PDB file of all heavy atoms in Angstrom:
ATOM      1  N   HIS A   1     133.884 262.185  53.653  1.00  0.00           N
ATOM      2  CA  HIS A   1     134.619 262.872  54.716  1.00  0.00           C
ATOM      3  C   HIS A   1     134.199 264.324  54.888  1.00  0.00           C
ATOM      4  O   HIS A   1     134.902 265.096  55.530  1.00  0.00           O
ATOM      5  CB  HIS A   1     136.124 262.820  54.426  1.00  0.00           C
ATOM      6  CG  HIS A   1     136.655 261.430  54.335  1.00  0.00           C
ATOM      7  ND1 HIS A   1     136.694 260.570  55.402  1.00  0.00           N
ATOM      8  CD2 HIS A   1     137.147 260.725  53.291  1.00  0.00           C
ATOM      9  CE1 HIS A   1     137.194 259.416  55.041  1.00  0.00           C
ATOM     10  NE2 HIS A   1     137.485 259.481  53.750  1.00  0.00           N
ATOM     11  N   TYR A   2     133.066 264.716  54.327  1.00  0.00           N
ATOM     12  CA  TYR A   2     132.640 266.116  54.340  1.00  0.00           C
ATOM     13  C   TYR A   2     132.129 266.532  55.718  1.00  0.00           C
ATOM     14  O   TYR A   2     131.351 265.826  56.348  1.00  0.00           O
ATOM     15  CB  TYR A   2     131.543 266.330  53.301  1.00  0.00           C
ATOM     16  CG  TYR A   2     131.047 267.749  53.206  1.00  0.00           C
ATOM     17  CD1 TYR A   2     131.875 268.759  52.753  1.00  0.00           C
ATOM     18  CD2 TYR A   2     129.758 268.076  53.595  1.00  0.00           C
ATOM     19  CE1 TYR A   2     131.436 270.052  52.656  1.00  0.00           C
ATOM     20  CE2 TYR A   2     129.306 269.372  53.499  1.00  0.00           C
ATOM     21  CZ  TYR A   2     130.147 270.358  53.033  1.00  0.00           C
ATOM     22  OH  TYR A   2     129.705 271.648  52.946  1.00  0.00           O
ATOM     23  N   GLN A   3     132.597 267.712  56.162  1.00  0.00           N
ATOM     24  CA  GLN A   3     132.121 268.335  57.395  1.00  0.00           C
ATOM     25  C   GLN A   3     131.788 269.775  57.060  1.00  0.00           C
ATOM     26  O   GLN A   3     132.660 270.547  56.669  1.00  0.00           O
ATOM     27  CB  GLN A   3     133.183 268.294  58.482  1.00  0.00           C
ATOM     28  CG  GLN A   3     133.573 266.900  58.897  1.00  0.00           C
ATOM     29  CD  GLN A   3     134.766 266.922  59.825  1.00  0.00           C
ATOM     30  OE1 GLN A   3     135.330 267.971  60.088  1.00  0.00           O
ATOM     31  NE2 GLN A   3     135.146 265.772  60.310  1.00  0.00           N
ATOM     32  N   ALA A   4     130.537 270.145  57.252  1.00  0.00           N
ATOM     33  CA  ALA A   4     130.082 271.478  56.838  1.00  0.00           C
ATOM     34  C   ALA A   4     130.480 272.574  57.817  1.00  0.00           C
ATOM     35  O   ALA A   4     130.571 273.734  57.437  1.00  0.00           O
ATOM     36  CB  ALA A   4     128.572 271.479  56.659  1.00  0.00           C
ATOM     37  N   ASP A   5     130.753 272.235  59.048  1.00  0.00           N
ATOM     38  CA  ASP A   5     130.978 273.261  60.075  1.00  0.00           C
ATOM     39  C   ASP A   5     132.455 273.422  60.454  1.00  0.00           C
ATOM     40  O   ASP A   5     132.797 273.533  61.617  1.00  0.00           O
ATOM     41  CB  ASP A   5     130.146 272.939  61.311  1.00  0.00           C
ATOM     42  CG  ASP A   5     130.432 271.550  61.854  1.00  0.00           C
ATOM     43  OD1 ASP A   5     131.072 270.752  61.156  1.00  0.00           O
ATOM     44  OD2 ASP A   5     130.003 271.276  62.993  1.00  0.00           O
ATOM     45  N   ARG A   6     133.337 273.482  59.478  1.00  0.00           N
ATOM     46  CA  ARG A   6     134.761 273.695  59.747  1.00  0.00           C
ATOM     47  C   ARG A   6     135.060 275.185  59.779  1.00  0.00           C
ATOM     48  O   ARG A   6     134.404 275.971  59.103  1.00  0.00           O
ATOM     49  CB  ARG A   6     135.608 273.021  58.676  1.00  0.00           C
ATOM     50  CG  ARG A   6     135.497 271.525  58.683  1.00  0.00           C
ATOM     51  CD  ARG A   6     136.321 270.937  57.606  1.00  0.00           C
ATOM     52  NE  ARG A   6     135.711 271.310  56.321  1.00  0.00           N
ATOM     53  CZ  ARG A   6     135.973 270.719  55.182  1.00  0.00           C
ATOM     54  NH1 ARG A   6     136.830 269.743  55.134  1.00  0.00           N
ATOM     55  NH2 ARG A   6     135.378 271.098  54.068  1.00  0.00           N
ATOM     56  N   LYS A   7     136.071 275.558  60.534  1.00  0.00           N
ATOM     57  CA  LYS A   7     136.449 276.963  60.642  1.00  0.00           C
ATOM     58  C   LYS A   7     137.970 277.083  60.583  1.00  0.00           C
ATOM     59  O   LYS A   7     138.692 276.158  60.868  1.00  0.00           O
ATOM     60  CB  LYS A   7     135.943 277.544  61.957  1.00  0.00           C
ATOM     61  CG  LYS A   7     134.438 277.471  62.101  1.00  0.00           C
ATOM     62  CD  LYS A   7     133.937 278.513  63.037  1.00  0.00           C
ATOM     63  CE  LYS A   7     132.459 278.468  63.261  1.00  0.00           C
ATOM     64  NZ  LYS A   7     131.615 278.240  62.149  1.00  0.00           N
ATOM     65  N   GLY A   8     138.441 278.257  60.160  1.00  0.00           N
ATOM     66  CA  GLY A   8     139.863 278.519  60.132  1.00  0.00           C
ATOM     67  C   GLY A   8     140.431 278.543  58.727  1.00  0.00           C
ATOM     68  O   GLY A   8     139.725 278.380  57.733  1.00  0.00           O
ATOM     69  N   LEU A   9     141.749 278.787  58.656  1.00  0.00           N
ATOM     70  CA  LEU A   9     142.431 278.890  57.377  1.00  0.00           C
ATOM     71  C   LEU A   9     142.454 277.547  56.633  1.00  0.00           C
ATOM     72  O   LEU A   9     142.226 277.499  55.428  1.00  0.00           O
ATOM     73  CB  LEU A   9     143.858 279.401  57.583  1.00  0.00           C
ATOM     74  CG  LEU A   9     144.701 279.550  56.325  1.00  0.00           C
ATOM     75  CD1 LEU A   9     144.074 280.593  55.410  1.00  0.00           C
ATOM     76  CD2 LEU A   9     146.120 279.901  56.662  1.00  0.00           C
ATOM     77  N   LEU A  10     142.717 276.468  57.367  1.00  0.00           N
ATOM     78  CA  LEU A  10     142.736 275.153  56.737  1.00  0.00           C
ATOM     79  C   LEU A  10     141.350 274.791  56.189  1.00  0.00           C
ATOM     80  O   LEU A  10     141.247 274.198  55.110  1.00  0.00           O
ATOM     81  CB  LEU A  10     143.203 274.099  57.736  1.00  0.00           C
ATOM     82  CG  LEU A  10     143.426 272.696  57.185  1.00  0.00           C
ATOM     83  CD1 LEU A  10     144.475 272.712  56.082  1.00  0.00           C
ATOM     84  CD2 LEU A  10     143.834 271.759  58.290  1.00  0.00           C
ATOM     85  N   ALA A  11     140.306 275.166  56.896  1.00  0.00           N
ATOM     86  CA  ALA A  11     138.945 274.919  56.411  1.00  0.00           C
ATOM     87  C   ALA A  11     138.676 275.726  55.144  1.00  0.00           C
ATOM     88  O   ALA A  11     138.011 275.243  54.226  1.00  0.00           O
ATOM     89  CB  ALA A  11     137.926 275.271  57.490  1.00  0.00           C
ATOM     90  N   TRP A  12     139.190 276.941  55.090  1.00  0.00           N
ATOM     91  CA  TRP A  12     139.010 277.773  53.890  1.00  0.00           C
ATOM     92  C   TRP A  12     139.701 277.139  52.687  1.00  0.00           C
ATOM     93  O   TRP A  12     139.147 277.092  51.587  1.00  0.00           O
ATOM     94  CB  TRP A  12     139.559 279.175  54.151  1.00  0.00           C
ATOM     95  CG  TRP A  12     139.405 280.090  52.989  1.00  0.00           C
ATOM     96  CD1 TRP A  12     138.285 280.780  52.626  1.00  0.00           C
ATOM     97  CD2 TRP A  12     140.401 280.418  52.016  1.00  0.00           C
ATOM     98  NE1 TRP A  12     138.522 281.515  51.486  1.00  0.00           N
ATOM     99  CE2 TRP A  12     139.824 281.310  51.097  1.00  0.00           C
ATOM    100  CE3 TRP A  12     141.730 280.053  51.845  1.00  0.00           C
ATOM    101  CZ2 TRP A  12     140.522 281.822  50.024  1.00  0.00           C
ATOM    102  CZ3 TRP A  12     142.426 280.568  50.776  1.00  0.00           C
ATOM    103  CH2 TRP A  12     141.816 281.451  49.876  1.00  0.00           C
ATOM    104  N   VAL A  13     140.932 276.638  52.895  1.00  0.00           N
ATOM    105  CA  VAL A  13     141.668 275.980  51.814  1.00  0.00           C
ATOM    106  C   VAL A  13     140.950 274.695  51.391  1.00  0.00           C
ATOM    107  O   VAL A  13     140.812 274.421  50.188  1.00  0.00           O
ATOM    108  CB  VAL A  13     143.125 275.692  52.247  1.00  0.00           C
ATOM    109  CG1 VAL A  13     143.841 274.824  51.233  1.00  0.00           C
ATOM    110  CG2 VAL A  13     143.873 276.987  52.478  1.00  0.00           C
ATOM    111  N   ASN A  14     140.482 273.905  52.360  1.00  0.00           N
ATOM    112  CA  ASN A  14     139.732 272.689  52.024  1.00  0.00           C
ATOM    113  C   ASN A  14     138.461 273.013  51.266  1.00  0.00           C
ATOM    114  O   ASN A  14     138.098 272.315  50.313  1.00  0.00           O
ATOM    115  CB  ASN A  14     139.371 271.912  53.295  1.00  0.00           C
ATOM    116  CG  ASN A  14     140.509 271.051  53.782  1.00  0.00           C
ATOM    117  OD1 ASN A  14     141.407 270.721  53.022  1.00  0.00           O
ATOM    118  ND2 ASN A  14     140.469 270.707  55.047  1.00  0.00           N
ATOM    119  N   ASN A  15     137.775 274.059  51.677  1.00  0.00           N
ATOM    120  CA  ASN A  15     136.546 274.467  51.002  1.00  0.00           C
ATOM    121  C   ASN A  15     136.830 274.890  49.562  1.00  0.00           C
ATOM    122  O   ASN A  15     136.082 274.557  48.643  1.00  0.00           O
ATOM    123  CB  ASN A  15     135.872 275.590  51.784  1.00  0.00           C
ATOM    124  CG  ASN A  15     134.450 275.792  51.372  1.00  0.00           C
ATOM    125  OD1 ASN A  15     133.830 274.917  50.797  1.00  0.00           O
ATOM    126  ND2 ASN A  15     133.924 276.973  51.673  1.00  0.00           N
ATOM    127  N   LEU A  16     137.914 275.628  49.379  1.00  0.00           N
ATOM    128  CA  LEU A  16     138.313 276.044  48.038  1.00  0.00           C
ATOM    129  C   LEU A  16     138.627 274.832  47.158  1.00  0.00           C
ATOM    130  O   LEU A  16     138.193 274.755  46.005  1.00  0.00           O
ATOM    131  CB  LEU A  16     139.518 276.978  48.125  1.00  0.00           C
ATOM    132  CG  LEU A  16     139.963 277.675  46.856  1.00  0.00           C
ATOM    133  CD1 LEU A  16     138.885 278.658  46.415  1.00  0.00           C
ATOM    134  CD2 LEU A  16     141.268 278.400  47.106  1.00  0.00           C
ATOM    135  N   TRP A  17     139.358 273.875  47.708  1.00  0.00           N
ATOM    136  CA  TRP A  17     139.706 272.662  46.975  1.00  0.00           C
ATOM    137  C   TRP A  17     138.451 271.853  46.638  1.00  0.00           C
ATOM    138  O   TRP A  17     138.315 271.345  45.517  1.00  0.00           O
ATOM    139  CB  TRP A  17     140.676 271.833  47.804  1.00  0.00           C
ATOM    140  CG  TRP A  17     141.038 270.529  47.186  1.00  0.00           C
ATOM    141  CD1 TRP A  17     140.690 269.286  47.611  1.00  0.00           C
ATOM    142  CD2 TRP A  17     141.809 270.318  46.003  1.00  0.00           C
ATOM    143  NE1 TRP A  17     141.197 268.331  46.797  1.00  0.00           N
ATOM    144  CE2 TRP A  17     141.891 268.936  45.795  1.00  0.00           C
ATOM    145  CE3 TRP A  17     142.445 271.171  45.105  1.00  0.00           C
ATOM    146  CZ2 TRP A  17     142.572 268.384  44.721  1.00  0.00           C
ATOM    147  CZ3 TRP A  17     143.123 270.616  44.036  1.00  0.00           C
ATOM    148  CH2 TRP A  17     143.183 269.241  43.853  1.00  0.00           C
ATOM    149  N   GLU A  18     137.530 271.718  47.582  1.00  0.00           N
ATOM    150  CA  GLU A  18     136.294 270.980  47.322  1.00  0.00           C
ATOM    151  C   GLU A  18     135.455 271.667  46.252  1.00  0.00           C
ATOM    152  O   GLU A  18     134.874 271.003  45.392  1.00  0.00           O
ATOM    153  CB  GLU A  18     135.488 270.826  48.607  1.00  0.00           C
ATOM    154  CG  GLU A  18     136.096 269.842  49.582  1.00  0.00           C
ATOM    155  CD  GLU A  18     135.418 269.863  50.923  1.00  0.00           C
ATOM    156  OE1 GLU A  18     134.553 270.737  51.172  1.00  0.00           O
ATOM    157  OE2 GLU A  18     135.754 269.002  51.757  1.00  0.00           O
ATOM    158  N   ASN A  19     135.391 272.998  46.298  1.00  0.00           N
ATOM    159  CA  ASN A  19     134.649 273.736  45.270  1.00  0.00           C
ATOM    160  C   ASN A  19     135.259 273.511  43.889  1.00  0.00           C
ATOM    161  O   ASN A  19     134.538 273.332  42.904  1.00  0.00           O
ATOM    162  CB  ASN A  19     134.600 275.224  45.589  1.00  0.00           C
ATOM    163  CG  ASN A  19     133.676 275.528  46.732  1.00  0.00           C
ATOM    164  OD1 ASN A  19     132.788 274.751  47.064  1.00  0.00           O
ATOM    165  ND2 ASN A  19     133.886 276.668  47.371  1.00  0.00           N
ATOM    166  N   LEU A  20     136.579 273.540  43.819  1.00  0.00           N
ATOM    167  CA  LEU A  20     137.259 273.305  42.549  1.00  0.00           C
ATOM    168  C   LEU A  20     136.954 271.907  42.006  1.00  0.00           C
ATOM    169  O   LEU A  20     136.666 271.739  40.818  1.00  0.00           O
ATOM    170  CB  LEU A  20     138.767 273.494  42.727  1.00  0.00           C
ATOM    171  CG  LEU A  20     139.627 273.225  41.505  1.00  0.00           C
ATOM    172  CD1 LEU A  20     139.361 274.289  40.443  1.00  0.00           C
ATOM    173  CD2 LEU A  20     141.084 273.196  41.885  1.00  0.00           C
ATOM    174  N   LEU A  21     136.984 270.900  42.866  1.00  0.00           N
ATOM    175  CA  LEU A  21     136.707 269.545  42.416  1.00  0.00           C
ATOM    176  C   LEU A  21     135.251 269.345  42.023  1.00  0.00           C
ATOM    177  O   LEU A  21     134.959 268.628  41.063  1.00  0.00           O
ATOM    178  CB  LEU A  21     137.099 268.540  43.496  1.00  0.00           C
ATOM    179  CG  LEU A  21     138.586 268.281  43.624  1.00  0.00           C
ATOM    180  CD1 LEU A  21     138.872 267.306  44.746  1.00  0.00           C
ATOM    181  CD2 LEU A  21     139.164 267.753  42.337  1.00  0.00           C
ATOM    182  N   VAL A  22     134.324 269.988  42.722  1.00  0.00           N
ATOM    183  CA  VAL A  22     132.909 269.866  42.362  1.00  0.00           C
ATOM    184  C   VAL A  22     132.653 270.531  41.011  1.00  0.00           C
ATOM    185  O   VAL A  22     131.941 269.985  40.162  1.00  0.00           O
ATOM    186  CB  VAL A  22     132.007 270.461  43.467  1.00  0.00           C
ATOM    187  CG1 VAL A  22     130.583 270.633  42.987  1.00  0.00           C
ATOM    188  CG2 VAL A  22     132.034 269.572  44.698  1.00  0.00           C
ATOM    189  N   ILE A  23     133.255 271.690  40.786  1.00  0.00           N
ATOM    190  CA  ILE A  23     133.094 272.367  39.499  1.00  0.00           C
ATOM    191  C   ILE A  23     133.708 271.535  38.377  1.00  0.00           C
ATOM    192  O   ILE A  23     133.103 271.360  37.314  1.00  0.00           O
ATOM    193  CB  ILE A  23     133.704 273.785  39.554  1.00  0.00           C
ATOM    194  CG1 ILE A  23     132.861 274.683  40.448  1.00  0.00           C
ATOM    195  CG2 ILE A  23     133.823 274.387  38.159  1.00  0.00           C
ATOM    196  CD1 ILE A  23     133.521 276.005  40.774  1.00  0.00           C
ATOM    197  N   SER A  24     134.901 270.989  38.608  1.00  0.00           N
ATOM    198  CA  SER A  24     135.525 270.170  37.566  1.00  0.00           C
ATOM    199  C   SER A  24     134.736 268.888  37.334  1.00  0.00           C
ATOM    200  O   SER A  24     134.640 268.413  36.198  1.00  0.00           O
ATOM    201  CB  SER A  24     136.976 269.857  37.916  1.00  0.00           C
ATOM    202  OG  SER A  24     137.038 269.073  39.082  1.00  0.00           O
ATOM    203  N   TRP A  25     134.122 268.310  38.375  1.00  0.00           N
ATOM    204  CA  TRP A  25     133.281 267.122  38.205  1.00  0.00           C
ATOM    205  C   TRP A  25     132.065 267.457  37.337  1.00  0.00           C
ATOM    206  O   TRP A  25     131.716 266.688  36.452  1.00  0.00           O
ATOM    207  CB  TRP A  25     132.831 266.603  39.566  1.00  0.00           C
ATOM    208  CG  TRP A  25     131.846 265.477  39.479  1.00  0.00           C
ATOM    209  CD1 TRP A  25     132.123 264.162  39.237  1.00  0.00           C
ATOM    210  CD2 TRP A  25     130.432 265.579  39.611  1.00  0.00           C
ATOM    211  NE1 TRP A  25     130.953 263.443  39.219  1.00  0.00           N
ATOM    212  CE2 TRP A  25     129.901 264.285  39.456  1.00  0.00           C
ATOM    213  CE3 TRP A  25     129.560 266.639  39.864  1.00  0.00           C
ATOM    214  CZ2 TRP A  25     128.538 264.038  39.531  1.00  0.00           C
ATOM    215  CZ3 TRP A  25     128.212 266.379  39.942  1.00  0.00           C
ATOM    216  CH2 TRP A  25     127.715 265.098  39.777  1.00  0.00           C
ATOM    217  N   ALA A  26     131.433 268.605  37.591  1.00  0.00           N
ATOM    218  CA  ALA A  26     130.256 268.998  36.807  1.00  0.00           C
ATOM    219  C   ALA A  26     130.633 269.241  35.342  1.00  0.00           C
ATOM    220  O   ALA A  26     129.927 268.809  34.428  1.00  0.00           O
ATOM    221  CB  ALA A  26     129.611 270.237  37.411  1.00  0.00           C
ATOM    222  N   VAL A  27     131.763 269.916  35.117  1.00  0.00           N
ATOM    223  CA  VAL A  27     132.217 270.167  33.745  1.00  0.00           C
ATOM    224  C   VAL A  27     132.557 268.845  33.052  1.00  0.00           C
ATOM    225  O   VAL A  27     132.209 268.633  31.886  1.00  0.00           O
ATOM    226  CB  VAL A  27     133.422 271.125  33.743  1.00  0.00           C
ATOM    227  CG1 VAL A  27     134.103 271.180  32.393  1.00  0.00           C
ATOM    228  CG2 VAL A  27     132.984 272.512  34.187  1.00  0.00           C
ATOM    229  N   LEU A  28     133.200 267.951  33.756  1.00  0.00           N
ATOM    230  CA  LEU A  28     133.555 266.651  33.190  1.00  0.00           C
ATOM    231  C   LEU A  28     132.306 265.842  32.869  1.00  0.00           C
ATOM    232  O   LEU A  28     132.232 265.192  31.822  1.00  0.00           O
ATOM    233  CB  LEU A  28     134.448 265.877  34.152  1.00  0.00           C
ATOM    234  CG  LEU A  28     134.918 264.522  33.675  1.00  0.00           C
ATOM    235  CD1 LEU A  28     135.866 264.681  32.498  1.00  0.00           C
ATOM    236  CD2 LEU A  28     135.591 263.773  34.790  1.00  0.00           C
ATOM    237  N   LEU A  29     131.311 265.882  33.730  1.00  0.00           N
ATOM    238  CA  LEU A  29     130.079 265.147  33.485  1.00  0.00           C
ATOM    239  C   LEU A  29     129.368 265.657  32.231  1.00  0.00           C
ATOM    240  O   LEU A  29     128.943 264.869  31.384  1.00  0.00           O
ATOM    241  CB  LEU A  29     129.158 265.248  34.699  1.00  0.00           C
ATOM    242  CG  LEU A  29     127.910 264.384  34.674  1.00  0.00           C
ATOM    243  CD1 LEU A  29     128.288 262.908  34.665  1.00  0.00           C
ATOM    244  CD2 LEU A  29     127.043 264.703  35.873  1.00  0.00           C
ATOM    245  N   VAL A  30     129.291 266.972  32.078  1.00  0.00           N
ATOM    246  CA  VAL A  30     128.672 267.545  30.884  1.00  0.00           C
ATOM    247  C   VAL A  30     129.501 267.202  29.642  1.00  0.00           C
ATOM    248  O   VAL A  30     128.941 266.860  28.591  1.00  0.00           O
ATOM    249  CB  VAL A  30     128.501 269.068  31.040  1.00  0.00           C
ATOM    250  CG1 VAL A  30     128.100 269.722  29.735  1.00  0.00           C
ATOM    251  CG2 VAL A  30     127.483 269.372  32.119  1.00  0.00           C
ATOM    252  N   SER A  31     130.813 267.241  29.763  1.00  0.00           N
ATOM    253  CA  SER A  31     131.683 266.910  28.629  1.00  0.00           C
ATOM    254  C   SER A  31     131.541 265.445  28.216  1.00  0.00           C
ATOM    255  O   SER A  31     131.530 265.131  27.021  1.00  0.00           O
ATOM    256  CB  SER A  31     133.142 267.189  28.975  1.00  0.00           C
ATOM    257  OG  SER A  31     133.314 268.529  29.290  1.00  0.00           O
ATOM    258  N   ILE A  32     131.428 264.559  29.176  1.00  0.00           N
ATOM    259  CA  ILE A  32     131.268 263.140  28.859  1.00  0.00           C
ATOM    260  C   ILE A  32     129.929 262.889  28.181  1.00  0.00           C
ATOM    261  O   ILE A  32     129.847 262.128  27.207  1.00  0.00           O
ATOM    262  CB  ILE A  32     131.431 262.283  30.131  1.00  0.00           C
ATOM    263  CG1 ILE A  32     132.902 262.269  30.548  1.00  0.00           C
ATOM    264  CG2 ILE A  32     130.928 260.866  29.921  1.00  0.00           C
ATOM    265  CD1 ILE A  32     133.156 261.613  31.875  1.00  0.00           C
ATOM    266  N   ILE A  33     128.879 263.528  28.659  1.00  0.00           N
ATOM    267  CA  ILE A  33     127.569 263.377  28.021  1.00  0.00           C
ATOM    268  C   ILE A  33     127.632 263.883  26.581  1.00  0.00           C
ATOM    269  O   ILE A  33     127.123 263.234  25.657  1.00  0.00           O
ATOM    270  CB  ILE A  33     126.485 264.102  28.839  1.00  0.00           C
ATOM    271  CG1 ILE A  33     126.262 263.375  30.164  1.00  0.00           C
ATOM    272  CG2 ILE A  33     125.183 264.204  28.059  1.00  0.00           C
ATOM    273  CD1 ILE A  33     125.403 264.129  31.142  1.00  0.00           C
ATOM    274  N   TYR A  34     128.271 265.022  26.374  1.00  0.00           N
ATOM    275  CA  TYR A  34     128.425 265.568  25.030  1.00  0.00           C
ATOM    276  C   TYR A  34     129.248 264.623  24.145  1.00  0.00           C
ATOM    277  O   TYR A  34     128.899 264.375  22.984  1.00  0.00           O
ATOM    278  CB  TYR A  34     129.081 266.949  25.107  1.00  0.00           C
ATOM    279  CG  TYR A  34     129.324 267.594  23.779  1.00  0.00           C
ATOM    280  CD1 TYR A  34     128.281 268.119  23.039  1.00  0.00           C
ATOM    281  CD2 TYR A  34     130.607 267.671  23.253  1.00  0.00           C
ATOM    282  CE1 TYR A  34     128.491 268.709  21.816  1.00  0.00           C
ATOM    283  CE2 TYR A  34     130.839 268.258  22.025  1.00  0.00           C
ATOM    284  CZ  TYR A  34     129.776 268.780  21.314  1.00  0.00           C
ATOM    285  OH  TYR A  34     130.003 269.356  20.090  1.00  0.00           O
ATOM    286  N   LEU A  35     130.324 264.077  24.692  1.00  0.00           N
ATOM    287  CA  LEU A  35     131.165 263.155  23.926  1.00  0.00           C
ATOM    288  C   LEU A  35     130.412 261.891  23.555  1.00  0.00           C
ATOM    289  O   LEU A  35     130.527 261.406  22.425  1.00  0.00           O
ATOM    290  CB  LEU A  35     132.422 262.806  24.728  1.00  0.00           C
ATOM    291  CG  LEU A  35     133.390 261.831  24.074  1.00  0.00           C
ATOM    292  CD1 LEU A  35     134.005 262.444  22.831  1.00  0.00           C
ATOM    293  CD2 LEU A  35     134.469 261.418  25.048  1.00  0.00           C
ATOM    294  N   VAL A  36     129.639 261.362  24.471  1.00  0.00           N
ATOM    295  CA  VAL A  36     128.871 260.148  24.179  1.00  0.00           C
ATOM    296  C   VAL A  36     127.855 260.418  23.069  1.00  0.00           C
ATOM    297  O   VAL A  36     127.697 259.610  22.145  1.00  0.00           O
ATOM    298  CB  VAL A  36     128.190 259.613  25.458  1.00  0.00           C
ATOM    299  CG1 VAL A  36     127.151 258.565  25.132  1.00  0.00           C
ATOM    300  CG2 VAL A  36     129.229 259.051  26.409  1.00  0.00           C
ATOM    301  N   ILE A  37     127.180 261.559  23.135  1.00  0.00           N
ATOM    302  CA  ILE A  37     126.221 261.905  22.083  1.00  0.00           C
ATOM    303  C   ILE A  37     126.924 262.038  20.733  1.00  0.00           C
ATOM    304  O   ILE A  37     126.450 261.517  19.721  1.00  0.00           O
ATOM    305  CB  ILE A  37     125.457 263.191  22.446  1.00  0.00           C
ATOM    306  CG1 ILE A  37     124.530 262.930  23.627  1.00  0.00           C
ATOM    307  CG2 ILE A  37     124.668 263.725  21.259  1.00  0.00           C
ATOM    308  CD1 ILE A  37     123.921 264.180  24.214  1.00  0.00           C
ATOM    309  N   LYS A  38     128.066 262.726  20.705  1.00  0.00           N
ATOM    310  CA  LYS A  38     128.813 262.876  19.454  1.00  0.00           C
ATOM    311  C   LYS A  38     129.307 261.526  18.928  1.00  0.00           C
ATOM    312  O   LYS A  38     129.273 261.290  17.717  1.00  0.00           O
ATOM    313  CB  LYS A  38     130.007 263.820  19.656  1.00  0.00           C
ATOM    314  CG  LYS A  38     129.634 265.257  19.920  1.00  0.00           C
ATOM    315  CD  LYS A  38     128.955 265.884  18.744  1.00  0.00           C
ATOM    316  CE  LYS A  38     129.983 266.341  17.759  1.00  0.00           C
ATOM    317  NZ  LYS A  38     129.432 267.097  16.641  1.00  0.00           N
ATOM    318  N   LEU A  39     129.759 260.646  19.808  1.00  0.00           N
ATOM    319  CA  LEU A  39     130.244 259.341  19.370  1.00  0.00           C
ATOM    320  C   LEU A  39     129.121 258.466  18.826  1.00  0.00           C
ATOM    321  O   LEU A  39     129.303 257.761  17.835  1.00  0.00           O
ATOM    322  CB  LEU A  39     130.958 258.624  20.515  1.00  0.00           C
ATOM    323  CG  LEU A  39     132.333 259.162  20.870  1.00  0.00           C
ATOM    324  CD1 LEU A  39     132.876 258.462  22.087  1.00  0.00           C
ATOM    325  CD2 LEU A  39     133.283 259.034  19.712  1.00  0.00           C
ATOM    326  N   VAL A  40     127.966 258.524  19.458  1.00  0.00           N
ATOM    327  CA  VAL A  40     126.829 257.750  18.959  1.00  0.00           C
ATOM    328  C   VAL A  40     126.415 258.263  17.588  1.00  0.00           C
ATOM    329  O   VAL A  40     126.140 257.479  16.676  1.00  0.00           O
ATOM    330  CB  VAL A  40     125.657 257.798  19.969  1.00  0.00           C
ATOM    331  CG1 VAL A  40     124.371 257.287  19.353  1.00  0.00           C
ATOM    332  CG2 VAL A  40     126.007 257.003  21.214  1.00  0.00           C
ATOM    333  N   LEU A  41     126.392 259.577  17.420  1.00  0.00           N
ATOM    334  CA  LEU A  41     126.057 260.134  16.108  1.00  0.00           C
ATOM    335  C   LEU A  41     127.120 259.778  15.067  1.00  0.00           C
ATOM    336  O   LEU A  41     126.797 259.473  13.928  1.00  0.00           O
ATOM    337  CB  LEU A  41     125.893 261.646  16.204  1.00  0.00           C
ATOM    338  CG  LEU A  41     124.652 262.146  16.943  1.00  0.00           C
ATOM    339  CD1 LEU A  41     124.671 263.657  17.050  1.00  0.00           C
ATOM    340  CD2 LEU A  41     123.400 261.671  16.245  1.00  0.00           C
TER     341      LEU A  41
END
């Protein structure tokens, strides 16, 4: 559902929310990789 050309206050809030979720997804992905390595060891 991503639209890059949104404008206004609602677009700013949506952009902030999307940035937060992308950052948390990246942190979670790195954490899962680390956990899998630790569990295998």
